[in-house]
Amino acid sequence: MYFVYSLVLYLGVPLVLCRLAWLGLRNRDYLQRWPERFGYVSPVTFETPLIWIHAVSVGEVQAARPLVEHIRKNGRPGSLMMTTTTPGGARTIQQLYGTAVEQRYFPYDLPGVIKRFLDTVQPRSLIIMETEIWPNLYRECRRRNISIALVNARLSDKSRRGYQRFGGLAGRTLQCLSLIAAQSRADADRFLALGARPETVRVTGNLKFDIAQPHSVSEAAEVRRRFFSPHRSVWIAASTHEGEERLVLEAFRQILQRHADCLLVIVPRHPERSGEIMELCRRYGFQTGRHTQNPGYTQRTQVYIVDTLGELPVFYAASDVAFVGGSLVPHGGHNMLEPASLGIPVVAGTHLFNFSEVSELLGLAGALAQVSTVRELAGKVGELLGDANQRHAMGEKGRQVIRENQGTLGRLIDALDYYI
């Protein structure tokens, strides 16, 4: 079973390299550091034992932040290394921690690659954010007595059925784990149904509820809002995907009929798409600027594109209403708790299968408005922009949901101490 899995991966290497090259046409960072993905990494400069945390991209890096900061603050034994799959995740680690945390790219799950990587970095334990199931990596870690924890773990019923098509491979892989810290009871039950050992499964909650924005975010947001003008309405469309910006711009056309001075801030999930989004905005006839341009903004600017990483919380806090993307197209949504933690009312589409529990809690509390069409999006955002009391009420309900569901970090730390 492992042999067939590995053979398929080896045969797919040329396709993987072609995909990296194709992604590099938009983002040249994808053309860098290829040897790392094949296990050719430089040794860590910190002394071992080493704690290795894997967070696939920007969202997982942000989700891991409370855990990373707790480990650093409390001086737990072992130095920290983080791996990502995407350049955006790598840049976010560097922005958050500088040289205090080692950063490498995650190795491909090929037997020789995994052995080469582990021989070099020699971790004591591995913590995987959310759900990444890698048979060769997990088996080799177990052989070397490297404890593995899957934290903030979630598994949809669709994903469970998909893993079950691979026979018993997923179950054998999960049995290599020392801990599966699931977000919910339903997630835990799906991991058990897939073959996880019952004694390793714990329900600790969603780490993203333990979000804490530093005071500097509010200060920077005040400066940004004065820069935009305190008198303009500001609507942010964040973490948008290809095909979604067109829908947002259609809604913006309608919103301008009621709020002629409104400013739309677009923060694409992948900043390398900013050029094509800017061209799309201009085809719609909007005065458009980019964050990295000089000047990127004037009082005549109607659409402002944020083409950087790491500044989203500031732009959320400087806005009146937040639309969270990946939800008008079938991507599964993105983290709605970030704007909610800042007291910003949240609007999203109906494709929220990656955040079903969070969307349900926010929706039941009245902190989230879901829309399915351009007309509904324009109507709800326009309604909120015209009603400060409704915005405030939704924002406070969002903050209350977060307060009521915090505490995951403490439960997770207890579980990690006990199991690994």
Protein backbone atom coordinates (compact mmCIF):
# COMPACT_ATOMS: atom_id res chain seq x y z
CA MET A 1 0.00 0.00 0.00
CA TYR A 2 2.78 2.44 0.91
CA PHE A 3 4.73 1.30 -2.16
CA VAL A 4 1.88 2.08 -4.55
CA TYR A 5 1.27 5.46 -2.86
CA SER A 6 4.96 6.39 -3.14
CA LEU A 7 5.19 5.17 -6.74
CA VAL A 8 2.28 7.40 -7.74
CA LEU A 9 3.97 10.37 -6.06
CA TYR A 10 7.29 9.71 -7.80
CA LEU A 11 5.55 9.49 -11.17
CA GLY A 12 3.83 12.79 -10.41
CA VAL A 13 7.03 14.75 -9.67
CA PRO A 14 7.30 16.17 -13.24
CA LEU A 15 3.73 17.46 -12.96
CA VAL A 16 4.52 19.01 -9.58
CA LEU A 17 7.54 20.82 -11.04
CA CYS A 18 5.43 22.07 -13.95
CA ARG A 19 2.87 23.39 -11.50
CA LEU A 20 5.55 25.22 -9.49
CA ALA A 21 6.83 26.77 -12.72
CA TRP A 22 3.31 27.81 -13.73
CA LEU A 23 2.67 29.38 -10.31
CA GLY A 24 6.01 31.13 -10.69
CA LEU A 25 4.65 33.03 -13.70
CA ARG A 26 2.43 34.96 -11.27
CA ASN A 27 4.59 34.83 -8.17
CA ARG A 28 8.34 34.48 -8.68
CA ASP A 29 8.75 33.27 -5.10
CA TYR A 30 7.46 29.89 -6.31
CA LEU A 31 10.61 29.62 -8.43
CA GLN A 32 12.86 29.90 -5.38
CA ARG A 33 14.15 27.29 -2.93
CA TRP A 34 13.05 24.20 -4.87
CA PRO A 35 15.75 22.01 -3.23
CA GLU A 36 14.08 22.53 0.15
CA ARG A 37 10.91 20.87 -1.14
CA PHE A 38 13.04 17.80 -1.89
CA GLY A 39 14.60 17.68 1.55
CA TYR A 40 17.81 19.58 0.82
CA VAL A 41 17.58 22.03 3.70
CA SER A 42 20.23 23.79 5.73
CA PRO A 43 20.62 22.60 9.33
CA VAL A 44 18.78 24.61 11.93
CA THR A 45 20.93 27.08 13.84
CA PHE A 46 19.12 26.49 17.12
CA GLU A 47 20.11 23.78 19.52
CA THR A 48 17.95 20.69 19.57
CA PRO A 49 15.59 19.27 20.78
CA LEU A 50 13.53 20.98 18.10
CA ILE A 51 9.76 21.49 17.94
CA TRP A 52 8.60 21.47 14.32
CA ILE A 53 5.29 23.18 13.50
CA HIS A 54 3.82 22.85 10.00
CA ALA A 55 1.28 25.43 8.79
CA VAL A 56 0.50 25.05 5.10
CA SER A 57 -0.22 28.70 4.22
CA VAL A 58 -1.09 32.15 5.60
CA GLY A 59 -4.32 31.12 7.31
CA GLU A 60 -2.72 28.23 9.17
CA VAL A 61 0.28 30.38 10.17
CA GLN A 62 -2.10 32.93 11.67
CA ALA A 63 -4.08 30.17 13.41
CA ALA A 64 -0.87 28.81 14.93
CA ARG A 65 0.11 32.20 16.31
CA PRO A 66 -1.38 31.78 19.84
CA LEU A 67 0.35 28.40 20.18
CA VAL A 68 3.71 29.67 18.89
CA GLU A 69 3.63 32.73 21.12
CA HIS A 70 2.69 30.63 24.14
CA ILE A 71 5.59 28.25 23.55
CA ARG A 72 8.01 31.15 23.13
CA LYS A 73 6.66 33.14 26.08
CA ASN A 74 6.67 30.25 28.52
CA GLY A 75 10.14 29.05 27.64
CA ARG A 76 9.18 25.47 26.96
CA PRO A 77 12.15 23.24 26.15
CA GLY A 78 13.05 23.03 22.50
CA SER A 79 13.57 25.56 19.76
CA LEU A 80 10.97 26.27 17.08
CA MET A 81 11.00 25.61 13.34
CA MET A 82 7.99 26.26 11.10
CA THR A 83 7.39 24.91 7.61
CA THR A 84 4.89 26.08 5.01
CA THR A 85 3.89 25.03 1.52
CA THR A 86 3.33 28.49 0.05
CA PRO A 87 5.61 31.55 -0.22
CA GLY A 88 2.86 33.61 1.40
CA GLY A 89 3.02 31.44 4.49
CA ALA A 90 6.82 31.71 4.53
CA ARG A 91 6.69 35.51 4.33
CA THR A 92 4.11 35.65 7.12
CA ILE A 93 6.38 33.64 9.43
CA GLN A 94 9.26 35.98 8.69
CA GLN A 95 7.08 39.04 9.31
CA LEU A 96 5.75 37.69 12.61
CA TYR A 97 8.89 36.21 14.12
CA GLY A 98 11.94 37.28 12.14
CA THR A 99 14.90 35.09 13.04
CA ALA A 100 13.34 33.92 16.31
CA VAL A 101 11.69 31.01 14.49
CA GLU A 102 13.43 28.93 11.83
CA GLN A 103 11.52 28.70 8.54
CA ARG A 104 11.76 26.03 5.83
CA TYR A 105 9.54 24.73 3.05
CA PHE A 106 7.63 21.53 3.76
CA PRO A 107 9.20 18.46 2.08
CA TYR A 108 7.32 16.40 -0.48
CA ASP A 109 6.03 13.13 0.96
CA LEU A 110 8.54 10.89 -0.82
CA PRO A 111 10.48 8.33 1.29
CA GLY A 112 13.96 9.54 0.34
CA VAL A 113 12.98 13.18 0.66
CA ILE A 114 11.47 12.67 4.11
CA LYS A 115 14.50 10.77 5.41
CA ARG A 116 16.88 13.44 4.10
CA PHE A 117 14.83 16.23 5.69
CA LEU A 118 14.57 14.50 9.10
CA ASP A 119 18.26 13.59 9.09
CA THR A 120 19.09 17.29 8.74
CA VAL A 121 16.65 19.02 11.09
CA GLN A 122 16.25 16.22 13.68
CA PRO A 123 13.00 17.34 15.33
CA ARG A 124 11.88 16.00 18.68
CA SER A 125 8.18 16.51 17.92
CA LEU A 126 5.98 17.55 15.02
CA ILE A 127 2.82 19.65 15.32
CA ILE A 128 0.61 19.81 12.21
CA MET A 129 -1.94 22.61 11.97
CA GLU A 130 -5.44 21.58 10.90
CA THR A 131 -5.59 18.51 8.63
CA GLU A 132 -2.55 17.32 6.69
CA ILE A 133 -2.27 13.53 6.33
CA TRP A 134 1.11 12.41 4.91
CA PRO A 135 1.69 8.61 5.08
CA ASN A 136 5.45 8.51 4.47
CA LEU A 137 6.22 11.40 6.80
CA TYR A 138 4.12 10.03 9.63
CA ARG A 139 5.48 6.48 9.28
CA GLU A 140 9.09 7.68 9.27
CA CYS A 141 8.46 9.92 12.29
CA ARG A 142 7.00 6.98 14.21
CA ARG A 143 10.02 4.84 13.26
CA ARG A 144 12.29 7.54 14.73
CA ASN A 145 10.13 8.04 17.85
CA ILE A 146 9.23 11.59 16.81
CA SER A 147 5.85 12.35 18.38
CA ILE A 148 3.21 13.84 16.07
CA ALA A 149 0.18 15.97 16.96
CA LEU A 150 -2.57 17.07 14.60
CA VAL A 151 -3.96 20.23 16.22
CA ASN A 152 -6.96 22.43 15.44
CA ALA A 153 -7.91 19.40 13.37
CA ARG A 154 -11.04 19.37 11.25
CA LEU A 155 -12.38 16.76 8.86
CA SER A 156 -15.52 17.25 6.80
CA ASP A 157 -17.70 14.30 5.91
CA LYS A 158 -16.76 14.82 2.26
CA SER A 159 -13.04 14.62 3.12
CA ARG A 160 -13.60 11.53 5.25
CA ARG A 161 -15.28 9.75 2.34
CA GLY A 162 -12.44 10.81 0.06
CA TYR A 163 -9.77 9.39 2.37
CA GLN A 164 -11.70 6.14 2.73
CA ARG A 165 -11.34 5.51 -1.00
CA PHE A 166 -7.63 4.81 -0.38
CA GLY A 167 -8.38 1.65 1.55
CA GLY A 168 -6.74 1.46 4.95
CA LEU A 169 -3.85 3.82 4.17
CA ALA A 170 -5.45 6.84 5.87
CA GLY A 171 -6.30 4.80 8.97
CA ARG A 172 -2.77 3.40 9.23
CA THR A 173 -1.39 6.91 8.85
CA LEU A 174 -3.60 8.30 11.61
CA GLN A 175 -2.48 5.49 13.91
CA CYS A 176 1.02 6.98 13.82
CA LEU A 177 -0.23 10.06 15.66
CA SER A 178 0.22 10.70 19.35
CA LEU A 179 -2.57 13.28 19.49
CA ILE A 180 -5.47 14.46 17.34
CA ALA A 181 -6.81 17.67 18.90
CA ALA A 182 -10.10 18.09 17.05
CA GLN A 183 -12.07 21.31 16.68
CA SER A 184 -15.44 19.65 17.43
CA ARG A 185 -17.04 16.38 18.49
CA ALA A 186 -18.19 15.81 14.91
CA ASP A 187 -14.61 16.19 13.65
CA ALA A 188 -13.38 13.79 16.32
CA ASP A 189 -15.99 11.18 15.35
CA ARG A 190 -14.92 11.39 11.69
CA PHE A 191 -11.27 10.83 12.60
CA LEU A 192 -12.30 7.80 14.66
CA ALA A 193 -14.39 6.47 11.77
CA LEU A 194 -11.34 6.84 9.53
CA GLY A 195 -9.25 4.64 11.84
CA ALA A 196 -7.63 6.89 14.45
CA ARG A 197 -6.80 5.31 17.81
CA PRO A 198 -9.49 6.40 20.34
CA GLU A 199 -6.94 7.11 23.07
CA THR A 200 -5.26 9.78 20.89
CA VAL A 201 -8.39 11.79 20.01
CA ARG A 202 -9.34 14.82 22.09
CA VAL A 203 -11.82 17.65 21.47
CA THR A 204 -10.04 20.90 22.32
CA GLY A 205 -11.99 23.44 20.21
CA ASN A 206 -11.02 25.88 17.50
CA LEU A 207 -7.75 27.68 18.18
CA LYS A 208 -8.87 30.57 15.97
CA PHE A 209 -11.26 31.70 18.72
CA ASP A 210 -8.23 32.51 20.88
CA ILE A 211 -7.45 35.45 18.66
CA ALA A 212 -6.00 38.53 20.37
CA GLN A 213 -5.25 41.59 18.27
CA PRO A 214 -2.41 43.75 19.63
CA HIS A 215 -3.16 47.38 20.47
CA SER A 216 -0.91 48.41 17.61
CA VAL A 217 -3.58 47.18 15.16
CA SER A 218 -6.10 49.71 16.49
CA GLU A 219 -3.53 52.49 16.39
CA ALA A 220 -2.52 51.67 12.81
CA ALA A 221 -6.20 51.41 11.81
CA GLU A 222 -6.91 54.90 13.11
CA VAL A 223 -4.07 56.27 11.01
CA ARG A 224 -5.31 54.34 7.98
CA ARG A 225 -8.89 55.58 8.46
CA ARG A 226 -7.74 59.20 8.63
CA PHE A 227 -5.74 58.54 5.47
CA PHE A 228 -8.89 57.27 3.73
CA SER A 229 -10.94 60.16 5.27
CA PRO A 230 -13.13 59.73 8.37
CA HIS A 231 -16.16 60.83 6.34
CA ARG A 232 -16.06 58.06 3.72
CA SER A 233 -17.82 54.73 4.13
CA VAL A 234 -15.32 51.88 3.78
CA TRP A 235 -16.27 48.37 2.69
CA ILE A 236 -13.57 45.69 2.63
CA ALA A 237 -13.69 42.54 0.50
CA ALA A 238 -11.00 40.30 1.96
CA SER A 239 -9.42 37.00 0.95
CA THR A 240 -11.11 37.09 -2.44
CA HIS A 241 -10.49 34.48 -5.14
CA GLU A 242 -10.51 34.45 -8.91
CA GLY A 243 -14.04 35.06 -10.20
CA GLU A 244 -15.13 36.60 -6.92
CA GLU A 245 -13.82 40.13 -7.54
CA ARG A 246 -16.13 40.47 -10.55
CA LEU A 247 -19.14 39.72 -8.32
CA VAL A 248 -17.89 42.18 -5.70
CA LEU A 249 -17.47 44.92 -8.31
CA GLU A 250 -20.98 44.29 -9.66
CA ALA A 251 -22.30 44.71 -6.12
CA PHE A 252 -20.17 47.83 -5.67
CA ARG A 253 -21.83 49.43 -8.69
CA GLN A 254 -25.18 49.05 -6.98
CA ILE A 255 -23.88 50.25 -3.60
CA LEU A 256 -22.57 53.48 -5.15
CA GLN A 257 -26.14 54.40 -6.09
CA ARG A 258 -26.91 54.73 -2.36
CA HIS A 259 -23.45 55.56 -1.00
CA ALA A 260 -21.75 57.59 -3.71
CA ASP A 261 -18.61 58.27 -1.63
CA CYS A 262 -18.04 54.65 -0.56
CA LEU A 263 -14.53 53.22 -0.81
CA LEU A 264 -14.07 49.54 -1.65
CA VAL A 265 -10.89 47.92 -0.30
CA ILE A 266 -10.02 44.60 -1.98
CA VAL A 267 -7.50 42.30 -0.30
CA PRO A 268 -7.04 39.27 -2.58
CA ARG A 269 -6.11 35.97 -0.99
CA HIS A 270 -3.11 35.84 -3.33
CA PRO A 271 -1.47 39.27 -3.70
CA GLU A 272 0.23 38.26 -6.95
CA ARG A 273 -3.21 38.55 -8.57
CA SER A 274 -3.37 42.28 -7.78
CA GLY A 275 -2.35 43.34 -11.29
CA GLU A 276 -5.17 41.46 -12.99
CA ILE A 277 -7.66 42.69 -10.37
CA MET A 278 -6.57 46.28 -11.00
CA GLU A 279 -7.11 45.82 -14.72
CA LEU A 280 -10.57 44.36 -14.02
CA CYS A 281 -11.47 47.38 -11.86
CA ARG A 282 -10.41 49.76 -14.59
CA ARG A 283 -12.52 47.89 -17.14
CA TYR A 284 -15.46 48.54 -14.83
CA GLY A 285 -14.57 52.22 -14.94
CA PHE A 286 -13.50 52.62 -11.31
CA GLN A 287 -10.70 54.92 -10.18
CA THR A 288 -8.33 52.34 -8.74
CA GLY A 289 -5.14 52.43 -6.68
CA ARG A 290 -2.76 49.89 -5.18
CA HIS A 291 -1.33 49.91 -1.70
CA THR A 292 2.26 49.70 -2.92
CA GLN A 293 1.86 52.46 -5.50
CA ASN A 294 2.87 56.05 -4.82
CA PRO A 295 0.40 57.65 -4.69
CA GLY A 296 -1.87 54.65 -4.41
CA TYR A 297 -4.78 56.66 -3.06
CA THR A 298 -6.47 60.01 -3.56
CA GLN A 299 -9.91 61.24 -2.56
CA ARG A 300 -11.07 60.29 -6.06
CA THR A 301 -10.04 56.64 -5.56
CA GLN A 302 -13.02 54.29 -5.54
CA VAL A 303 -11.25 50.91 -5.27
CA TYR A 304 -8.08 50.38 -3.23
CA ILE A 305 -6.22 47.09 -3.73
CA VAL A 306 -4.02 45.80 -0.91
CA ASP A 307 -1.21 43.92 -2.64
CA THR A 308 0.80 42.98 0.46
CA LEU A 309 0.64 40.29 3.13
CA GLY A 310 0.31 40.71 6.88
CA GLU A 311 -1.74 43.93 6.97
CA LEU A 312 -5.25 42.51 6.76
CA PRO A 313 -6.15 43.10 10.46
CA VAL A 314 -5.35 46.80 10.09
CA PHE A 315 -7.56 47.14 7.02
CA TYR A 316 -10.36 45.18 8.72
CA ALA A 317 -10.21 47.54 11.69
CA ALA A 318 -10.26 50.58 9.38
CA SER A 319 -13.46 49.40 7.64
CA ASP A 320 -17.17 49.69 8.38
CA VAL A 321 -18.28 46.36 6.88
CA ALA A 322 -16.29 43.23 5.99
CA PHE A 323 -17.05 40.72 3.26
CA VAL A 324 -14.96 37.56 3.75
CA GLY A 325 -14.19 35.88 0.45
CA GLY A 326 -13.80 32.35 -0.77
CA SER A 327 -17.52 32.12 -0.06
CA LEU A 328 -19.27 33.45 -3.18
CA VAL A 329 -17.28 30.87 -5.14
CA PRO A 330 -17.04 27.24 -3.97
CA HIS A 331 -13.72 27.57 -2.15
CA GLY A 332 -15.06 26.96 1.37
CA GLY A 333 -14.63 30.39 2.94
CA HIS A 334 -11.94 31.97 5.09
CA ASN A 335 -11.50 33.07 8.69
CA MET A 336 -14.48 35.20 9.72
CA LEU A 337 -13.30 35.47 13.31
CA GLU A 338 -10.64 38.05 12.50
CA PRO A 339 -13.07 40.86 11.57
CA ALA A 340 -15.51 39.67 14.26
CA SER A 341 -12.80 40.04 16.92
CA LEU A 342 -12.45 43.69 15.87
CA GLY A 343 -16.18 44.38 16.18
CA ILE A 344 -16.72 44.59 12.41
CA PRO A 345 -20.00 43.19 11.00
CA VAL A 346 -19.34 40.24 8.70
CA VAL A 347 -20.96 39.36 5.37
CA ALA A 348 -20.13 36.16 3.47
CA GLY A 349 -21.45 33.92 0.75
CA THR A 350 -22.94 30.49 1.26
CA HIS A 351 -19.86 28.39 0.39
CA LEU A 352 -18.55 28.07 3.95
CA PHE A 353 -17.95 24.34 4.27
CA ASN A 354 -14.43 24.87 5.66
CA PHE A 355 -15.86 27.05 8.44
CA SER A 356 -19.23 25.44 9.04
CA GLU A 357 -19.04 25.54 12.85
CA VAL A 358 -17.78 29.13 12.96
CA SER A 359 -20.38 30.36 10.45
CA GLU A 360 -23.15 28.61 12.35
CA LEU A 361 -22.15 30.21 15.66
CA LEU A 362 -21.79 33.68 14.15
CA GLY A 363 -25.01 33.30 12.17
CA LEU A 364 -27.09 32.17 15.16
CA ALA A 365 -25.74 35.08 17.19
CA GLY A 366 -26.64 37.59 14.48
CA ALA A 367 -23.01 38.51 13.78
CA LEU A 368 -22.90 37.12 10.23
CA ALA A 369 -25.08 37.83 7.21
CA GLN A 370 -24.96 35.24 4.43
CA VAL A 371 -25.77 36.15 0.84
CA SER A 372 -25.94 34.10 -2.35
CA THR A 373 -26.29 36.66 -5.15
CA VAL A 374 -24.76 39.97 -6.22
CA ARG A 375 -28.05 41.68 -5.48
CA GLU A 376 -28.18 40.27 -1.96
CA LEU A 377 -24.54 41.24 -1.36
CA ALA A 378 -25.15 44.82 -2.52
CA GLY A 379 -28.35 45.04 -0.50
CA LYS A 380 -26.87 43.81 2.77
CA VAL A 381 -23.64 45.81 2.56
CA GLY A 382 -25.56 48.93 1.55
CA GLU A 383 -27.99 48.42 4.43
CA LEU A 384 -25.15 48.11 6.95
CA LEU A 385 -23.28 51.12 5.59
CA GLY A 386 -26.41 53.19 6.16
CA ASP A 387 -27.12 52.00 9.70
CA ALA A 388 -24.41 52.59 12.32
CA ASN A 389 -26.53 51.08 15.10
CA GLN A 390 -26.95 47.81 13.20
CA ARG A 391 -23.22 47.70 12.47
CA HIS A 392 -22.39 48.21 16.13
CA ALA A 393 -24.87 45.56 17.27
CA MET A 394 -23.54 42.94 14.83
CA GLY A 395 -19.96 43.77 15.76
CA GLU A 396 -20.63 43.35 19.48
CA LYS A 397 -22.40 40.04 18.88
CA GLY A 398 -19.34 38.80 17.02
CA ARG A 399 -17.06 39.76 19.89
CA GLN A 400 -19.39 37.97 22.31
CA VAL A 401 -19.25 34.73 20.27
CA ILE A 402 -15.46 34.85 20.42
CA ARG A 403 -15.40 35.49 24.18
CA GLU A 404 -17.77 32.57 24.81
CA ASN A 405 -15.65 30.13 22.80
CA GLN A 406 -12.17 31.05 23.97
CA GLY A 407 -10.03 28.72 26.04
CA THR A 408 -8.90 26.34 23.30
CA LEU A 409 -5.24 27.29 23.78
CA GLY A 410 -5.26 26.16 27.40
CA ARG A 411 -6.90 22.84 26.58
CA LEU A 412 -4.52 22.32 23.67
CA ILE A 413 -1.42 23.03 25.78
CA ASP A 414 -2.64 20.55 28.41
CA ALA A 415 -3.18 17.91 25.73
CA LEU A 416 0.23 18.51 24.13
CA ASP A 417 1.94 18.28 27.54
CA TYR A 418 0.19 15.00 28.28
CA TYR A 419 0.58 13.28 24.93
CA ILE A 420 3.84 14.56 23.45
